[in-house]
């Protein structure tokens, strides 16, 4: 069965601005992950554990997918689950950053403390 984006996924249109639970992502790193620059990192789903249980964010997988070198590498290793778009995702990494940017170069929940 294909995974869908979590109901609190920051890629969802229906998630309020600043609704980036589970920590922060550095804006520069997020742009690099999505750019095709040879970076092996991908955006992790905030509802999966760190380490071997971690999954790629469904929104990232659907909207960025093979544009990301890290995603292509993970897919080549059989580490990407089947995903399904339910139509509630913003279109680009730029949209995610604009929606959830803290103004400190971080994309996260504003209650997160540095």
PDB file of N, CA and C in Angstrom:
ATOM      1  N   UNK A   1       0.839  -1.183   0.000  1.00  0.00           N
ATOM      2  CA  UNK A   1       0.000   0.000   0.000  1.00  0.00           C
ATOM      3  C   UNK A   1       0.888   1.252   0.000  1.00  0.00           C
ATOM      4  N   UNK A   2       0.531   2.215  -0.796  1.00  0.00           N
ATOM      5  CA  UNK A   2       1.317   3.452  -0.915  1.00  0.00           C
ATOM      6  C   UNK A   2       1.104   4.357   0.295  1.00  0.00           C
ATOM      7  N   UNK A   3       2.180   5.013   0.715  1.00  0.00           N
ATOM      8  CA  UNK A   3       2.098   5.990   1.807  1.00  0.00           C
ATOM      9  C   UNK A   3       1.610   7.320   1.258  1.00  0.00           C
ATOM     10  N   UNK A   4       0.832   8.019   2.053  1.00  0.00           N
ATOM     11  CA  UNK A   4       0.408   9.390   1.761  1.00  0.00           C
ATOM     12  C   UNK A   4       1.093  10.316   2.756  1.00  0.00           C
ATOM     13  N   UNK A   5       1.136  11.584   2.416  1.00  0.00           N
ATOM     14  CA  UNK A   5       1.730  12.566   3.323  1.00  0.00           C
ATOM     15  C   UNK A   5       0.969  12.565   4.647  1.00  0.00           C
ATOM     16  N   UNK A   6       1.709  12.682   5.749  1.00  0.00           N
ATOM     17  CA  UNK A   6       1.112  12.764   7.091  1.00  0.00           C
ATOM     18  C   UNK A   6       0.156  13.958   7.155  1.00  0.00           C
ATOM     19  N   UNK A   7      -0.808  13.904   8.042  1.00  0.00           N
ATOM     20  CA  UNK A   7      -1.756  15.025   8.130  1.00  0.00           C
ATOM     21  C   UNK A   7      -1.090  16.314   8.604  1.00  0.00           C
ATOM     22  N   UNK A   8       0.113  16.215   9.187  1.00  0.00           N
ATOM     23  CA  UNK A   8       0.864  17.405   9.609  1.00  0.00           C
ATOM     24  C   UNK A   8       2.085  17.661   8.727  1.00  0.00           C
ATOM     25  N   UNK A   9       2.138  17.031   7.566  1.00  0.00           N
ATOM     26  CA  UNK A   9       3.287  17.196   6.660  1.00  0.00           C
ATOM     27  C   UNK A   9       3.424  18.657   6.243  1.00  0.00           C
ATOM     28  N   UNK A  10       4.633  19.220   6.335  1.00  0.00           N
ATOM     29  CA  UNK A  10       4.817  20.625   5.958  1.00  0.00           C
ATOM     30  C   UNK A  10       4.588  20.884   4.469  1.00  0.00           C
ATOM     31  N   UNK A  11       4.515  19.839   3.655  1.00  0.00           N
ATOM     32  CA  UNK A  11       4.231  20.001   2.226  1.00  0.00           C
ATOM     33  C   UNK A  11       2.729  20.137   1.968  1.00  0.00           C
ATOM     34  N   UNK A  12       1.901  19.860   2.957  1.00  0.00           N
ATOM     35  CA  UNK A  12       0.444  19.950   2.764  1.00  0.00           C
ATOM     36  C   UNK A  12      -0.014  21.405   2.714  1.00  0.00           C
ATOM     37  N   UNK A  13      -0.895  21.690   1.779  1.00  0.00           N
ATOM     38  CA  UNK A  13      -1.516  23.019   1.690  1.00  0.00           C
ATOM     39  C   UNK A  13      -2.346  23.290   2.935  1.00  0.00           C
ATOM     40  N   UNK A  14      -2.966  22.258   3.487  1.00  0.00           N
ATOM     41  CA  UNK A  14      -3.888  22.413   4.611  1.00  0.00           C
ATOM     42  C   UNK A  14      -3.193  22.608   5.960  1.00  0.00           C
ATOM     43  N   UNK A  15      -1.876  22.441   6.022  1.00  0.00           N
ATOM     44  CA  UNK A  15      -1.139  22.655   7.273  1.00  0.00           C
ATOM     45  C   UNK A  15      -0.883  24.151   7.425  1.00  0.00           C
ATOM     46  N   UNK A  16      -1.193  24.714   8.593  1.00  0.00           N
ATOM     47  CA  UNK A  16      -0.996  26.159   8.777  1.00  0.00           C
ATOM     48  C   UNK A  16       0.475  26.568   8.677  1.00  0.00           C
ATOM     49  N   UNK A  17       0.734  27.805   8.291  1.00  0.00           N
ATOM     50  CA  UNK A  17       2.120  28.294   8.254  1.00  0.00           C
ATOM     51  C   UNK A  17       2.801  28.082   9.600  1.00  0.00           C
ATOM     52  N   UNK A  18       4.053  27.716   9.533  1.00  0.00           N
ATOM     53  CA  UNK A  18       4.800  27.442  10.758  1.00  0.00           C
ATOM     54  C   UNK A  18       4.530  26.051  11.299  1.00  0.00           C
ATOM     55  N   UNK A  19       3.688  25.304  10.631  1.00  0.00           N
ATOM     56  CA  UNK A  19       3.320  23.979  11.103  1.00  0.00           C
ATOM     57  C   UNK A  19       4.326  22.929  10.712  1.00  0.00           C
ATOM     58  N   UNK A  20       5.556  23.074  11.139  1.00  0.00           N
ATOM     59  CA  UNK A  20       6.612  22.138  10.792  1.00  0.00           C
ATOM     60  C   UNK A  20       7.014  21.405  12.059  1.00  0.00           C
ATOM     61  N   UNK A  21       6.250  20.384  12.426  1.00  0.00           N
ATOM     62  CA  UNK A  21       6.531  19.679  13.685  1.00  0.00           C
ATOM     63  C   UNK A  21       7.797  18.848  13.598  1.00  0.00           C
ATOM     64  N   UNK A  22       8.322  18.495  14.728  1.00  0.00           N
ATOM     65  CA  UNK A  22       9.451  17.570  14.760  1.00  0.00           C
ATOM     66  C   UNK A  22      10.800  18.205  14.554  1.00  0.00           C
ATOM     67  N   UNK A  23      10.908  19.520  14.638  1.00  0.00           N
ATOM     68  CA  UNK A  23      12.214  20.142  14.507  1.00  0.00           C
ATOM     69  C   UNK A  23      12.300  21.080  13.324  1.00  0.00           C
ATOM     70  N   UNK A  24      13.497  21.303  12.861  1.00  0.00           N
ATOM     71  CA  UNK A  24      13.747  22.281  11.805  1.00  0.00           C
ATOM     72  C   UNK A  24      14.620  21.693  10.715  1.00  0.00           C
ATOM     73  N   UNK A  25      14.530  22.296   9.560  1.00  0.00           N
ATOM     74  CA  UNK A  25      15.390  21.968   8.434  1.00  0.00           C
ATOM     75  C   UNK A  25      16.088  23.255   8.036  1.00  0.00           C
ATOM     76  N   UNK A  26      17.366  23.182   7.830  1.00  0.00           N
ATOM     77  CA  UNK A  26      18.115  24.327   7.366  1.00  0.00           C
ATOM     78  C   UNK A  26      17.674  24.637   5.937  1.00  0.00           C
ATOM     79  N   UNK A  27      17.281  25.873   5.674  1.00  0.00           N
ATOM     80  CA  UNK A  27      16.773  26.261   4.356  1.00  0.00           C
ATOM     81  C   UNK A  27      17.780  25.969   3.244  1.00  0.00           C
ATOM     82  N   UNK A  28      19.032  26.283   3.483  1.00  0.00           N
ATOM     83  CA  UNK A  28      20.055  26.043   2.465  1.00  0.00           C
ATOM     84  C   UNK A  28      20.165  24.545   2.150  1.00  0.00           C
ATOM     85  N   UNK A  29      20.161  23.708   3.191  1.00  0.00           N
ATOM     86  CA  UNK A  29      20.239  22.257   2.990  1.00  0.00           C
ATOM     87  C   UNK A  29      19.011  21.746   2.235  1.00  0.00           C
ATOM     88  N   UNK A  30      17.834  22.256   2.575  1.00  0.00           N
ATOM     89  CA  UNK A  30      16.615  21.830   1.895  1.00  0.00           C
ATOM     90  C   UNK A  30      16.667  22.186   0.413  1.00  0.00           C
ATOM     91  N   UNK A  31      17.138  23.390   0.114  1.00  0.00           N
ATOM     92  CA  UNK A  31      17.280  23.788  -1.293  1.00  0.00           C
ATOM     93  C   UNK A  31      18.298  22.890  -2.015  1.00  0.00           C
ATOM     94  N   UNK A  32      19.392  22.555  -1.333  1.00  0.00           N
ATOM     95  CA  UNK A  32      20.396  21.673  -1.937  1.00  0.00           C
ATOM     96  C   UNK A  32      19.829  20.282  -2.186  1.00  0.00           C
ATOM     97  N   UNK A  33      19.076  19.747  -1.219  1.00  0.00           N
ATOM     98  CA  UNK A  33      18.483  18.417  -1.380  1.00  0.00           C
ATOM     99  C   UNK A  33      17.594  18.358  -2.616  1.00  0.00           C
ATOM    100  N   UNK A  34      16.944  19.469  -2.918  1.00  0.00           N
ATOM    101  CA  UNK A  34      15.974  19.521  -4.008  1.00  0.00           C
ATOM    102  C   UNK A  34      16.568  19.978  -5.332  1.00  0.00           C
ATOM    103  N   UNK A  35      17.842  20.342  -5.353  1.00  0.00           N
ATOM    104  CA  UNK A  35      18.404  21.034  -6.506  1.00  0.00           C
ATOM    105  C   UNK A  35      19.051  20.166  -7.566  1.00  0.00           C
ATOM    106  N   UNK A  36      19.374  18.936  -7.245  1.00  0.00           N
ATOM    107  CA  UNK A  36      20.140  18.123  -8.174  1.00  0.00           C
ATOM    108  C   UNK A  36      21.628  18.192  -7.915  1.00  0.00           C
ATOM    109  N   UNK A  37      22.043  19.058  -6.971  1.00  0.00           N
ATOM    110  CA  UNK A  37      23.440  19.088  -6.530  1.00  0.00           C
ATOM    111  C   UNK A  37      23.723  17.731  -5.878  1.00  0.00           C
ATOM    112  N   UNK A  38      24.898  17.152  -6.088  1.00  0.00           N
ATOM    113  CA  UNK A  38      25.160  15.828  -5.519  1.00  0.00           C
ATOM    114  C   UNK A  38      25.244  15.830  -3.989  1.00  0.00           C
ATOM    115  N   UNK A  39      24.082  15.866  -3.350  1.00  0.00           N
ATOM    116  CA  UNK A  39      23.941  15.783  -1.903  1.00  0.00           C
ATOM    117  C   UNK A  39      23.137  14.519  -1.634  1.00  0.00           C
ATOM    118  N   UNK A  40      23.650  13.652  -0.780  1.00  0.00           N
ATOM    119  CA  UNK A  40      22.967  12.378  -0.548  1.00  0.00           C
ATOM    120  C   UNK A  40      21.864  12.458   0.496  1.00  0.00           C
ATOM    121  N   UNK A  41      21.688  13.588   1.104  1.00  0.00           N
ATOM    122  CA  UNK A  41      20.671  13.770   2.128  1.00  0.00           C
ATOM    123  C   UNK A  41      19.302  13.991   1.473  1.00  0.00           C
ATOM    124  N   UNK A  42      18.249  13.458   2.102  1.00  0.00           N
ATOM    125  CA  UNK A  42      16.875  13.717   1.666  1.00  0.00           C
ATOM    126  C   UNK A  42      16.068  14.173   2.871  1.00  0.00           C
ATOM    127  N   UNK A  43      14.934  14.779   2.620  1.00  0.00           N
ATOM    128  CA  UNK A  43      14.081  15.255   3.711  1.00  0.00           C
ATOM    129  C   UNK A  43      13.393  14.057   4.359  1.00  0.00           C
ATOM    130  N   UNK A  44      13.614  13.899   5.656  1.00  0.00           N
ATOM    131  CA  UNK A  44      13.040  12.797   6.420  1.00  0.00           C
ATOM    132  C   UNK A  44      11.627  13.131   6.863  1.00  0.00           C
ATOM    133  N   UNK A  45      10.758  12.134   6.851  1.00  0.00           N
ATOM    134  CA  UNK A  45       9.410  12.297   7.401  1.00  0.00           C
ATOM    135  C   UNK A  45       9.527  12.544   8.900  1.00  0.00           C
ATOM    136  N   UNK A  46       8.876  13.589   9.389  1.00  0.00           N
ATOM    137  CA  UNK A  46       8.965  13.937  10.805  1.00  0.00           C
ATOM    138  C   UNK A  46       8.219  12.946  11.697  1.00  0.00           C
ATOM    139  N   UNK A  47       7.416  12.062  11.110  1.00  0.00           N
ATOM    140  CA  UNK A  47       6.686  11.066  11.897  1.00  0.00           C
ATOM    141  C   UNK A  47       7.365   9.701  11.903  1.00  0.00           C
ATOM    142  N   UNK A  48       8.594   9.627  11.419  1.00  0.00           N
ATOM    143  CA  UNK A  48       9.333   8.369  11.484  1.00  0.00           C
ATOM    144  C   UNK A  48      10.546   8.558  12.373  1.00  0.00           C
ATOM    145  N   UNK A  49      11.004   7.485  12.994  1.00  0.00           N
ATOM    146  CA  UNK A  49      12.164   7.608  13.892  1.00  0.00           C
ATOM    147  C   UNK A  49      13.445   7.853  13.113  1.00  0.00           C
ATOM    148  N   UNK A  50      14.427   8.409  13.783  1.00  0.00           N
ATOM    149  CA  UNK A  50      15.752   8.561  13.183  1.00  0.00           C
ATOM    150  C   UNK A  50      16.382   7.179  13.022  1.00  0.00           C
ATOM    151  N   UNK A  51      17.424   7.120  12.239  1.00  0.00           N
ATOM    152  CA  UNK A  51      18.149   5.866  12.065  1.00  0.00           C
ATOM    153  C   UNK A  51      17.519   4.972  11.016  1.00  0.00           C
ATOM    154  N   UNK A  52      17.609   3.673  11.211  1.00  0.00           N
ATOM    155  CA  UNK A  52      17.165   2.728  10.195  1.00  0.00           C
ATOM    156  C   UNK A  52      15.662   2.762   9.962  1.00  0.00           C
ATOM    157  N   UNK A  53      14.880   3.255  10.932  1.00  0.00           N
ATOM    158  CA  UNK A  53      13.435   3.329  10.759  1.00  0.00           C
ATOM    159  C   UNK A  53      12.971   4.568  10.008  1.00  0.00           C
ATOM    160  N   UNK A  54      13.894   5.461   9.689  1.00  0.00           N
ATOM    161  CA  UNK A  54      13.539   6.719   9.025  1.00  0.00           C
ATOM    162  C   UNK A  54      13.007   6.458   7.618  1.00  0.00           C
ATOM    163  N   UNK A  55      12.039   7.255   7.230  1.00  0.00           N
ATOM    164  CA  UNK A  55      11.455   7.205   5.891  1.00  0.00           C
ATOM    165  C   UNK A  55      11.620   8.574   5.246  1.00  0.00           C
ATOM    166  N   UNK A  56      11.648   8.599   3.940  1.00  0.00           N
ATOM    167  CA  UNK A  56      11.685   9.860   3.203  1.00  0.00           C
ATOM    168  C   UNK A  56      10.305  10.504   3.322  1.00  0.00           C
ATOM    169  N   UNK A  57      10.285  11.823   3.494  1.00  0.00           N
ATOM    170  CA  UNK A  57       9.039  12.580   3.541  1.00  0.00           C
ATOM    171  C   UNK A  57       8.260  12.340   2.239  1.00  0.00           C
ATOM    172  N   UNK A  58       6.977  12.018   2.361  1.00  0.00           N
ATOM    173  CA  UNK A  58       6.146  11.746   1.184  1.00  0.00           C
ATOM    174  C   UNK A  58       6.019  12.989   0.311  1.00  0.00           C
ATOM    175  N   UNK A  59       5.825  14.163   0.912  1.00  0.00           N
ATOM    176  CA  UNK A  59       5.741  15.396   0.131  1.00  0.00           C
ATOM    177  C   UNK A  59       7.012  15.628  -0.671  1.00  0.00           C
ATOM    178  N   UNK A  60       8.163  15.431  -0.029  1.00  0.00           N
ATOM    179  CA  UNK A  60       9.447  15.568  -0.710  1.00  0.00           C
ATOM    180  C   UNK A  60       9.550  14.546  -1.839  1.00  0.00           C
ATOM    181  N   UNK A  61       9.175  13.308  -1.563  1.00  0.00           N
ATOM    182  CA  UNK A  61       9.266  12.241  -2.572  1.00  0.00           C
ATOM    183  C   UNK A  61       8.409  12.553  -3.794  1.00  0.00           C
ATOM    184  N   UNK A  62       7.204  13.059  -3.570  1.00  0.00           N
ATOM    185  CA  UNK A  62       6.291  13.327  -4.688  1.00  0.00           C
ATOM    186  C   UNK A  62       6.700  14.576  -5.458  1.00  0.00           C
ATOM    187  N   UNK A  63       7.002  15.648  -4.755  1.00  0.00           N
ATOM    188  CA  UNK A  63       7.254  16.926  -5.427  1.00  0.00           C
ATOM    189  C   UNK A  63       8.698  17.114  -5.888  1.00  0.00           C
ATOM    190  N   UNK A  64       9.654  16.459  -5.238  1.00  0.00           N
ATOM    191  CA  UNK A  64      11.063  16.595  -5.623  1.00  0.00           C
ATOM    192  C   UNK A  64      11.548  15.307  -6.292  1.00  0.00           C
ATOM    193  N   UNK A  65      11.351  14.193  -5.616  1.00  0.00           N
ATOM    194  CA  UNK A  65      11.678  12.884  -6.166  1.00  0.00           C
ATOM    195  C   UNK A  65      13.011  12.806  -6.863  1.00  0.00           C
ATOM    196  N   UNK A  66      12.989  12.403  -8.118  1.00  0.00           N
ATOM    197  CA  UNK A  66      14.228  12.119  -8.844  1.00  0.00           C
ATOM    198  C   UNK A  66      15.057  13.357  -9.175  1.00  0.00           C
ATOM    199  N   UNK A  67      14.567  14.547  -8.890  1.00  0.00           N
ATOM    200  CA  UNK A  67      15.410  15.740  -9.020  1.00  0.00           C
ATOM    201  C   UNK A  67      16.517  15.715  -7.970  1.00  0.00           C
ATOM    202  N   UNK A  68      16.277  14.976  -6.879  1.00  0.00           N
ATOM    203  CA  UNK A  68      17.219  14.890  -5.768  1.00  0.00           C
ATOM    204  C   UNK A  68      18.178  13.716  -5.972  1.00  0.00           C
ATOM    205  N   UNK A  69      19.469  13.998  -5.919  1.00  0.00           N
ATOM    206  CA  UNK A  69      20.480  12.944  -6.037  1.00  0.00           C
ATOM    207  C   UNK A  69      20.334  11.949  -4.885  1.00  0.00           C
ATOM    208  N   UNK A  70      20.092  12.459  -3.687  1.00  0.00           N
ATOM    209  CA  UNK A  70      19.907  11.588  -2.526  1.00  0.00           C
ATOM    210  C   UNK A  70      18.716  10.659  -2.697  1.00  0.00           C
ATOM    211  N   UNK A  71      17.633  11.179  -3.266  1.00  0.00           N
ATOM    212  CA  UNK A  71      16.447  10.367  -3.519  1.00  0.00           C
ATOM    213  C   UNK A  71      16.767   9.270  -4.530  1.00  0.00           C
ATOM    214  N   UNK A  72      17.450   9.643  -5.613  1.00  0.00           N
ATOM    215  CA  UNK A  72      17.801   8.643  -6.632  1.00  0.00           C
ATOM    216  C   UNK A  72      18.688   7.552  -6.041  1.00  0.00           C
ATOM    217  N   UNK A  73      19.629   7.946  -5.193  1.00  0.00           N
ATOM    218  CA  UNK A  73      20.495   6.960  -4.551  1.00  0.00           C
ATOM    219  C   UNK A  73      19.680   6.034  -3.648  1.00  0.00           C
ATOM    220  N   UNK A  74      18.821   6.614  -2.814  1.00  0.00           N
ATOM    221  CA  UNK A  74      17.988   5.800  -1.913  1.00  0.00           C
ATOM    222  C   UNK A  74      17.092   4.854  -2.714  1.00  0.00           C
ATOM    223  N   UNK A  75      16.536   5.338  -3.815  1.00  0.00           N
ATOM    224  CA  UNK A  75      15.689   4.492  -4.664  1.00  0.00           C
ATOM    225  C   UNK A  75      16.494   3.345  -5.257  1.00  0.00           C
ATOM    226  N   UNK A  76      17.730   3.616  -5.650  1.00  0.00           N
ATOM    227  CA  UNK A  76      18.570   2.564  -6.237  1.00  0.00           C
ATOM    228  C   UNK A  76      18.914   1.479  -5.218  1.00  0.00           C
ATOM    229  N   UNK A  77      18.825   1.817  -3.941  1.00  0.00           N
ATOM    230  CA  UNK A  77      19.093   0.861  -2.867  1.00  0.00           C
ATOM    231  C   UNK A  77      17.808   0.206  -2.349  1.00  0.00           C
ATOM    232  N   UNK A  78      16.667   0.530  -2.970  1.00  0.00           N
ATOM    233  CA  UNK A  78      15.383  -0.048  -2.557  1.00  0.00           C
ATOM    234  C   UNK A  78      14.846   0.533  -1.264  1.00  0.00           C
ATOM    235  N   UNK A  79      15.240   1.761  -0.928  1.00  0.00           N
ATOM    236  CA  UNK A  79      14.861   2.368   0.350  1.00  0.00           C
ATOM    237  C   UNK A  79      13.670   3.324   0.258  1.00  0.00           C
ATOM    238  N   UNK A  80      13.060   3.431  -0.910  1.00  0.00           N
ATOM    239  CA  UNK A  80      11.938   4.359  -1.085  1.00  0.00           C
ATOM    240  C   UNK A  80      10.644   3.563  -1.162  1.00  0.00           C
ATOM    241  N   UNK A  81       9.692   3.910  -0.299  1.00  0.00           N
ATOM    242  CA  UNK A  81       8.371   3.280  -0.327  1.00  0.00           C
ATOM    243  C   UNK A  81       7.555   3.852  -1.473  1.00  0.00           C
ATOM    244  N   UNK A  82       6.546   3.116  -1.895  1.00  0.00           N
ATOM    245  CA  UNK A  82       5.575   3.643  -2.851  1.00  0.00           C
ATOM    246  C   UNK A  82       4.808   4.771  -2.158  1.00  0.00           C
ATOM    247  N   UNK A  83       4.586   5.871  -2.875  1.00  0.00           N
ATOM    248  CA  UNK A  83       3.875   7.018  -2.311  1.00  0.00           C
ATOM    249  C   UNK A  83       2.720   7.398  -3.227  1.00  0.00           C
ATOM    250  N   UNK A  84       1.768   8.122  -2.647  1.00  0.00           N
ATOM    251  CA  UNK A  84       0.571   8.511  -3.383  1.00  0.00           C
ATOM    252  C   UNK A  84       0.224   9.958  -3.063  1.00  0.00           C
ATOM    253  N   UNK A  85      -0.074  10.732  -4.073  1.00  0.00           N
ATOM    254  CA  UNK A  85      -0.445  12.144  -3.928  1.00  0.00           C
ATOM    255  C   UNK A  85      -1.950  12.245  -3.781  1.00  0.00           C
ATOM    256  N   UNK A  86      -2.411  12.861  -2.700  1.00  0.00           N
ATOM    257  CA  UNK A  86      -3.851  13.032  -2.506  1.00  0.00           C
ATOM    258  C   UNK A  86      -4.326  14.427  -2.923  1.00  0.00           C
ATOM    259  N   UNK A  87      -3.453  15.194  -3.588  1.00  0.00           N
ATOM    260  CA  UNK A  87      -3.836  16.496  -4.120  1.00  0.00           C
ATOM    261  C   UNK A  87      -3.727  17.659  -3.167  1.00  0.00           C
ATOM    262  N   UNK A  88      -3.194  17.451  -1.958  1.00  0.00           N
ATOM    263  CA  UNK A  88      -3.119  18.525  -0.957  1.00  0.00           C
ATOM    264  C   UNK A  88      -1.681  18.986  -0.714  1.00  0.00           C
ATOM    265  N   UNK A  89      -0.824  18.906  -1.728  1.00  0.00           N
ATOM    266  CA  UNK A  89       0.574  19.269  -1.544  1.00  0.00           C
ATOM    267  C   UNK A  89       0.916  20.548  -2.300  1.00  0.00           C
ATOM    268  N   UNK A  90       1.750  21.391  -1.668  1.00  0.00           N
ATOM    269  CA  UNK A  90       2.255  22.570  -2.371  1.00  0.00           C
ATOM    270  C   UNK A  90       3.128  22.098  -3.521  1.00  0.00           C
ATOM    271  N   UNK A  91       3.468  22.989  -4.414  1.00  0.00           N
ATOM    272  CA  UNK A  91       4.129  22.586  -5.653  1.00  0.00           C
ATOM    273  C   UNK A  91       5.647  22.472  -5.595  1.00  0.00           C
ATOM    274  N   UNK A  92       6.294  23.195  -4.678  1.00  0.00           N
ATOM    275  CA  UNK A  92       7.749  23.250  -4.766  1.00  0.00           C
ATOM    276  C   UNK A  92       8.394  23.434  -3.393  1.00  0.00           C
ATOM    277  N   UNK A  93       9.696  23.200  -3.348  1.00  0.00           N
ATOM    278  CA  UNK A  93      10.452  23.447  -2.131  1.00  0.00           C
ATOM    279  C   UNK A  93      10.392  24.939  -1.783  1.00  0.00           C
ATOM    280  N   UNK A  94      10.349  25.802  -2.777  1.00  0.00           N
ATOM    281  CA  UNK A  94      10.204  27.237  -2.539  1.00  0.00           C
ATOM    282  C   UNK A  94       8.912  27.516  -1.765  1.00  0.00           C
ATOM    283  N   UNK A  95       7.823  26.854  -2.142  1.00  0.00           N
ATOM    284  CA  UNK A  95       6.546  27.049  -1.446  1.00  0.00           C
ATOM    285  C   UNK A  95       6.626  26.605   0.016  1.00  0.00           C
ATOM    286  N   UNK A  96       7.293  25.482   0.268  1.00  0.00           N
ATOM    287  CA  UNK A  96       7.458  24.995   1.642  1.00  0.00           C
ATOM    288  C   UNK A  96       8.259  26.009   2.458  1.00  0.00           C
ATOM    289  N   UNK A  97       9.333  26.508   1.878  1.00  0.00           N
ATOM    290  CA  UNK A  97      10.177  27.469   2.584  1.00  0.00           C
ATOM    291  C   UNK A  97       9.415  28.762   2.851  1.00  0.00           C
ATOM    292  N   UNK A  98       8.708  29.278   1.870  1.00  0.00           N
ATOM    293  CA  UNK A  98       7.945  30.507   2.065  1.00  0.00           C
ATOM    294  C   UNK A  98       6.881  30.347   3.143  1.00  0.00           C
ATOM    295  N   UNK A  99       6.249  29.198   3.174  1.00  0.00           N
ATOM    296  CA  UNK A  99       5.158  28.951   4.118  1.00  0.00           C
ATOM    297  C   UNK A  99       5.648  28.799   5.558  1.00  0.00           C
ATOM    298  N   UNK A 100       6.818  28.170   5.735  1.00  0.00           N
ATOM    299  CA  UNK A 100       7.263  27.801   7.079  1.00  0.00           C
ATOM    300  C   UNK A 100       8.559  28.469   7.522  1.00  0.00           C
ATOM    301  N   UNK A 101       9.087  29.420   6.765  1.00  0.00           N
ATOM    302  CA  UNK A 101      10.367  30.029   7.100  1.00  0.00           C
ATOM    303  C   UNK A 101      10.267  30.872   8.358  1.00  0.00           C
ATOM    304  N   UNK A 102      11.266  30.745   9.211  1.00  0.00           N
ATOM    305  CA  UNK A 102      11.303  31.497  10.468  1.00  0.00           C
ATOM    306  C   UNK A 102      12.015  32.830  10.334  1.00  0.00           C
ATOM    307  N   UNK A 103      12.667  33.081   9.187  1.00  0.00           N
ATOM    308  CA  UNK A 103      13.460  34.289   9.043  1.00  0.00           C
ATOM    309  C   UNK A 103      14.865  34.125   9.581  1.00  0.00           C
ATOM    310  N   UNK A 104      15.203  32.929  10.069  1.00  0.00           N
ATOM    311  CA  UNK A 104      16.551  32.662  10.584  1.00  0.00           C
ATOM    312  C   UNK A 104      17.279  31.660   9.694  1.00  0.00           C
ATOM    313  N   UNK A 105      16.787  31.449   8.467  1.00  0.00           N
ATOM    314  CA  UNK A 105      17.398  30.460   7.588  1.00  0.00           C
ATOM    315  C   UNK A 105      16.955  29.053   7.913  1.00  0.00           C
ATOM    316  N   UNK A 106      15.925  28.956   8.752  1.00  0.00           N
ATOM    317  CA  UNK A 106      15.394  27.656   9.155  1.00  0.00           C
ATOM    318  C   UNK A 106      13.936  27.556   8.745  1.00  0.00           C
ATOM    319  N   UNK A 107      13.518  26.354   8.432  1.00  0.00           N
ATOM    320  CA  UNK A 107      12.124  26.075   8.112  1.00  0.00           C
ATOM    321  C   UNK A 107      11.641  25.169   9.228  1.00  0.00           C
ATOM    322  N   UNK A 108      10.736  25.669  10.090  1.00  0.00           N
ATOM    323  CA  UNK A 108      10.353  24.862  11.249  1.00  0.00           C
ATOM    324  C   UNK A 108       9.140  25.441  11.964  1.00  0.00           C
ATOM    325  N   UNK A 109       8.787  24.780  13.043  1.00  0.00           N
ATOM    326  CA  UNK A 109       7.750  25.243  13.930  1.00  0.00           C
ATOM    327  C   UNK A 109       8.308  26.438  14.706  1.00  0.00           C
ATOM    328  N   UNK A 110       7.608  27.564  14.727  1.00  0.00           N
ATOM    329  CA  UNK A 110       8.162  28.756  15.386  1.00  0.00           C
ATOM    330  C   UNK A 110       8.381  28.595  16.881  1.00  0.00           C
ATOM    331  N   UNK A 111       7.799  27.570  17.497  1.00  0.00           N
ATOM    332  CA  UNK A 111       8.009  27.372  18.937  1.00  0.00           C
ATOM    333  C   UNK A 111       9.334  26.684  19.215  1.00  0.00           C
ATOM    334  N   UNK A 112      10.024  26.216  18.163  1.00  0.00           N
ATOM    335  CA  UNK A 112      11.327  25.565  18.343  1.00  0.00           C
ATOM    336  C   UNK A 112      12.324  26.576  18.881  1.00  0.00           C
ATOM    337  N   UNK A 113      13.105  26.187  19.843  1.00  0.00           N
ATOM    338  CA  UNK A 113      14.083  27.097  20.462  1.00  0.00           C
ATOM    339  C   UNK A 113      15.474  26.778  19.955  1.00  0.00           C
ATOM    340  N   UNK A 114      16.231  27.798  19.605  1.00  0.00           N
ATOM    341  CA  UNK A 114      17.626  27.608  19.161  1.00  0.00           C
ATOM    342  C   UNK A 114      18.509  27.342  20.367  1.00  0.00           C
TER     343      UNK A 114
END
